[in-house]
Structure formats: structure tokens, C-alpha cells
Amino acid sequence: MTEDKFWYVYHPHGNAPKFRHLTYTSAREEAHRLARENPGCEFLVLEAVYAAIRCDVQGRVLRPVDDGIPF
């Protein structure tokens, strides 16, 4: 699965971020807004750079399919 770039605004002592900012500028502005509303709290702008996924289902061919094409 490919995705465009996105950023999260994260507070180390808060809940997990859920909103994906589509630009760095949007995330930075949100971090500033949250910092103004929460004096003394730090808000980090994080860019997603890697994703991992567990795949438990694997398929295999049991027999070739005859599609009628002779090659």
C-alpha cells in the first residue's frame, strides 16, 4: 500500500495522534495552536517515513488454470 506523505502532531504525555496532516505546514501550525492552548506542553511534528504490516494469509496455486490460450 503506498501513501502520500503525511504528518502527525504528537504530545508525549497525551493520546495517540489520529489526524493526518497532508502538509508539514498544516502540522506545524497545529502544533503551534496546541502549544498556545497548553502552556508548558511540547507538541512534536512527526513525519511518517516507514510502515510495517503483518501478513498472515498466503496463497498458492493448486493447479494451473486452462485459459484456452495455447501458449
N, C-alpha and C. Protein backbone atom coordinates (compact mmCIF):
# COMPACT_ATOMS: atom_id res chain seq x y z
N MET A 1 0.84 -1.17 0.00
CA MET A 1 0.00 0.00 0.00
C MET A 1 0.89 1.24 0.00
N THR A 2 0.72 2.10 -0.95
CA THR A 2 1.50 3.33 -0.99
C THR A 2 0.63 4.48 -0.55
N GLU A 3 1.23 5.41 0.12
CA GLU A 3 0.51 6.57 0.62
C GLU A 3 1.34 7.81 0.33
N ASP A 4 0.65 8.93 0.20
CA ASP A 4 1.36 10.19 0.10
C ASP A 4 1.93 10.53 1.47
N LYS A 5 2.82 11.51 1.48
CA LYS A 5 3.40 11.95 2.75
C LYS A 5 2.31 12.47 3.68
N PHE A 6 2.51 12.26 4.98
CA PHE A 6 1.63 12.86 5.97
C PHE A 6 2.39 13.04 7.27
N TRP A 7 1.85 13.90 8.13
CA TRP A 7 2.47 14.25 9.40
C TRP A 7 1.44 14.15 10.50
N TYR A 8 1.91 13.79 11.70
CA TYR A 8 1.09 13.79 12.91
C TYR A 8 1.63 14.85 13.87
N VAL A 9 0.75 15.39 14.69
CA VAL A 9 1.17 16.24 15.80
C VAL A 9 1.02 15.40 17.05
N TYR A 10 2.11 15.27 17.79
CA TYR A 10 2.18 14.33 18.91
C TYR A 10 2.53 15.04 20.20
N HIS A 11 1.81 14.71 21.26
CA HIS A 11 2.11 15.18 22.61
C HIS A 11 2.59 13.96 23.39
N PRO A 12 3.83 13.96 23.86
CA PRO A 12 4.38 12.77 24.52
C PRO A 12 3.56 12.25 25.71
N HIS A 13 2.81 13.12 26.36
CA HIS A 13 2.02 12.69 27.52
C HIS A 13 0.52 12.70 27.22
N GLY A 14 0.17 12.73 25.94
CA GLY A 14 -1.23 12.76 25.55
C GLY A 14 -1.65 11.47 24.87
N ASN A 15 -2.78 11.53 24.21
CA ASN A 15 -3.30 10.38 23.47
C ASN A 15 -2.55 10.21 22.15
N ALA A 16 -2.71 9.06 21.55
CA ALA A 16 -2.09 8.80 20.24
C ALA A 16 -2.72 9.72 19.20
N PRO A 17 -1.91 10.30 18.32
CA PRO A 17 -2.47 11.17 17.28
C PRO A 17 -3.31 10.38 16.30
N LYS A 18 -4.35 11.01 15.79
CA LYS A 18 -5.25 10.35 14.84
C LYS A 18 -5.37 11.11 13.52
N PHE A 19 -5.20 12.43 13.56
CA PHE A 19 -5.40 13.24 12.37
C PHE A 19 -4.14 13.27 11.53
N ARG A 20 -4.28 12.98 10.25
CA ARG A 20 -3.16 13.03 9.31
C ARG A 20 -3.15 14.38 8.61
N HIS A 21 -2.10 15.13 8.84
CA HIS A 21 -1.92 16.41 8.14
C HIS A 21 -1.26 16.11 6.81
N LEU A 22 -1.79 16.68 5.75
CA LEU A 22 -1.27 16.40 4.41
C LEU A 22 -0.07 17.26 4.05
N THR A 23 0.20 18.30 4.87
CA THR A 23 1.38 19.13 4.64
C THR A 23 2.10 19.35 5.96
N TYR A 24 3.39 19.58 5.85
CA TYR A 24 4.20 19.91 7.02
C TYR A 24 3.71 21.21 7.64
N THR A 25 3.38 22.17 6.80
CA THR A 25 2.93 23.48 7.28
C THR A 25 1.66 23.34 8.13
N SER A 26 0.73 22.54 7.68
CA SER A 26 -0.51 22.33 8.44
C SER A 26 -0.21 21.72 9.81
N ALA A 27 0.67 20.73 9.85
CA ALA A 27 1.02 20.09 11.11
C ALA A 27 1.75 21.07 12.03
N ARG A 28 2.65 21.86 11.48
CA ARG A 28 3.39 22.84 12.28
C ARG A 28 2.44 23.87 12.87
N GLU A 29 1.50 24.36 12.06
CA GLU A 29 0.53 25.34 12.56
C GLU A 29 -0.33 24.75 13.67
N GLU A 30 -0.71 23.48 13.53
CA GLU A 30 -1.50 22.83 14.57
C GLU A 30 -0.67 22.67 15.84
N ALA A 31 0.60 22.34 15.71
CA ALA A 31 1.47 22.23 16.89
C ALA A 31 1.56 23.57 17.60
N HIS A 32 1.67 24.65 16.85
CA HIS A 32 1.71 26.00 17.45
C HIS A 32 0.40 26.31 18.16
N ARG A 33 -0.72 25.98 17.52
CA ARG A 33 -2.03 26.25 18.12
C ARG A 33 -2.18 25.49 19.44
N LEU A 34 -1.82 24.22 19.43
CA LEU A 34 -1.93 23.41 20.64
C LEU A 34 -0.99 23.91 21.74
N ALA A 35 0.21 24.33 21.36
CA ALA A 35 1.17 24.85 22.34
C ALA A 35 0.64 26.14 22.99
N ARG A 36 0.00 26.99 22.19
CA ARG A 36 -0.59 28.22 22.75
C ARG A 36 -1.69 27.89 23.76
N GLU A 37 -2.47 26.86 23.47
CA GLU A 37 -3.58 26.47 24.35
C GLU A 37 -3.12 25.67 25.56
N ASN A 38 -1.90 25.15 25.52
CA ASN A 38 -1.39 24.29 26.59
C ASN A 38 0.02 24.75 26.98
N PRO A 39 0.13 25.87 27.69
CA PRO A 39 1.44 26.40 28.06
C PRO A 39 2.29 25.36 28.80
N GLY A 40 3.55 25.28 28.42
CA GLY A 40 4.47 24.35 29.06
C GLY A 40 4.49 22.96 28.45
N CYS A 41 3.53 22.66 27.56
CA CYS A 41 3.48 21.35 26.91
C CYS A 41 4.18 21.41 25.57
N GLU A 42 4.88 20.35 25.25
CA GLU A 42 5.60 20.25 23.99
C GLU A 42 4.79 19.41 23.00
N PHE A 43 4.69 19.89 21.77
CA PHE A 43 4.00 19.16 20.71
C PHE A 43 4.99 18.93 19.57
N LEU A 44 5.11 17.70 19.17
CA LEU A 44 6.08 17.30 18.15
C LEU A 44 5.38 17.08 16.81
N VAL A 45 6.05 17.46 15.74
CA VAL A 45 5.55 17.18 14.39
C VAL A 45 6.33 15.98 13.87
N LEU A 46 5.62 14.90 13.58
CA LEU A 46 6.24 13.65 13.15
C LEU A 46 5.84 13.33 11.71
N GLU A 47 6.83 13.01 10.89
CA GLU A 47 6.55 12.59 9.51
C GLU A 47 6.60 11.08 9.45
N ALA A 48 5.60 10.49 8.82
CA ALA A 48 5.60 9.04 8.62
C ALA A 48 6.61 8.71 7.52
N VAL A 49 7.59 7.87 7.85
CA VAL A 49 8.62 7.53 6.87
C VAL A 49 8.72 6.03 6.59
N TYR A 50 8.02 5.22 7.37
CA TYR A 50 8.09 3.77 7.18
C TYR A 50 6.83 3.14 7.74
N ALA A 51 6.37 2.09 7.11
CA ALA A 51 5.21 1.35 7.61
C ALA A 51 5.50 -0.14 7.53
N ALA A 52 5.05 -0.88 8.52
CA ALA A 52 5.20 -2.33 8.52
C ALA A 52 3.82 -2.94 8.68
N ILE A 53 3.62 -4.07 8.05
CA ILE A 53 2.33 -4.75 8.15
C ILE A 53 2.58 -6.25 8.25
N ARG A 54 1.81 -6.90 9.10
CA ARG A 54 1.91 -8.35 9.25
C ARG A 54 0.93 -9.00 8.28
N CYS A 55 1.41 -9.95 7.50
CA CYS A 55 0.58 -10.65 6.53
C CYS A 55 0.54 -12.13 6.89
N ASP A 56 -0.59 -12.58 7.40
CA ASP A 56 -0.72 -13.97 7.83
C ASP A 56 -1.30 -14.88 6.75
N VAL A 57 -1.90 -14.31 5.73
CA VAL A 57 -2.55 -15.12 4.71
C VAL A 57 -1.63 -15.25 3.51
N GLN A 58 -1.42 -16.48 3.09
CA GLN A 58 -0.57 -16.74 1.94
C GLN A 58 -1.31 -17.70 1.02
N GLY A 59 -1.29 -17.44 -0.27
CA GLY A 59 -1.95 -18.32 -1.23
C GLY A 59 -0.93 -19.09 -2.05
N ARG A 60 -1.40 -20.19 -2.65
CA ARG A 60 -0.53 -20.97 -3.54
C ARG A 60 -1.39 -21.59 -4.63
N VAL A 61 -0.81 -21.82 -5.78
CA VAL A 61 -1.53 -22.41 -6.91
C VAL A 61 -1.62 -23.91 -6.68
N LEU A 62 -2.84 -24.44 -6.74
CA LEU A 62 -3.04 -25.88 -6.58
C LEU A 62 -2.97 -26.60 -7.92
N ARG A 63 -3.43 -25.92 -8.96
CA ARG A 63 -3.32 -26.47 -10.31
C ARG A 63 -3.39 -25.32 -11.28
N PRO A 64 -2.71 -25.43 -12.42
CA PRO A 64 -2.77 -24.36 -13.42
C PRO A 64 -4.19 -24.22 -13.96
N VAL A 65 -4.57 -23.01 -14.30
CA VAL A 65 -5.88 -22.74 -14.88
C VAL A 65 -5.74 -22.76 -16.39
N ASP A 66 -6.59 -23.55 -17.07
CA ASP A 66 -6.58 -23.60 -18.53
C ASP A 66 -7.44 -22.46 -19.04
N ASP A 67 -6.76 -21.42 -19.56
CA ASP A 67 -7.49 -20.26 -20.05
C ASP A 67 -7.76 -20.33 -21.56
N GLY A 68 -7.43 -21.45 -22.19
CA GLY A 68 -7.70 -21.63 -23.61
C GLY A 68 -6.66 -21.01 -24.53
N ILE A 69 -5.69 -20.32 -24.00
CA ILE A 69 -4.64 -19.73 -24.82
C ILE A 69 -3.52 -20.77 -24.96
N PRO A 70 -3.12 -21.11 -26.21
CA PRO A 70 -2.19 -22.22 -26.42
C PRO A 70 -0.72 -21.90 -26.12
N PHE A 71 -0.41 -20.81 -25.48
CA PHE A 71 1.00 -20.52 -25.16
C PHE A 71 1.13 -20.07 -23.74
